Amino acid sequence: MQQLEMHIRGILECLGENPDRDGLKDTPRRVARLYDDVLDGRYAEPPIMTSFKDENYGGVVNVHHFPFYSFCEHHLVPFQGHAAVAYIPNELTVGLSKLVRAFRYHCKRVTIQERLTHDALNTIVAATQPKGAIVWAQAEHLCMSLRGVKAPGAKTTTTAYYGVFEEDIQLREQFLREVCQS
């Protein structure tokens, strides 16, 4: 943490700021704590996704429009939005909160939205061994809002799918309609 504080202090100095002035005295410590709190995924264990045998349910299990945020690995600024996760059990089901946790686990490190979506899908597939699974994420990237194209409010959407969601275009489109209409 001290090393991170030192580097943040250096950034402030490079920006022409005096890190010892009243408004900035504690900024290196606060920013280091923020990064440590928000980006603790490099240390965290993957979420435990206890599964239950349930041979009777074969429909789509869908948890959608839960909020998330992460940090862009290219600019170290946040991106945030909403996500949706669905799967079709094969024989195993998991608690609904575990689907959200599986997605958010991958948010706790610097990443790109495409990788985040793909990694969340892989975690859910490994835990549930489903007939199919799909992950959808839509986010606003502050790097696009603040610099470059300067397009505040622009949304980026990513989708990753597995099994029957790959094969059955109607099923995939039904999921996307449900998610986009909500």
Foldseek 3Di string as FASTA:
>chain_A
DVVQLVVVCVVCVVVVHHCVDDVNVCVSVVVVVVLCVQQVLVPDDQDDWDKDFDQPFFDKDKDWFDKAKAAAPVPRHMKIGIKMKIFGANGIDTDPVSLVSLLRSLRNHHDDPQVSQVSSLVVVCVRRVTQKMKMKTKIDHVCCCPDDVNDPPDIDMDMDMDHVCVVPVVVVVVVVCVRVVD
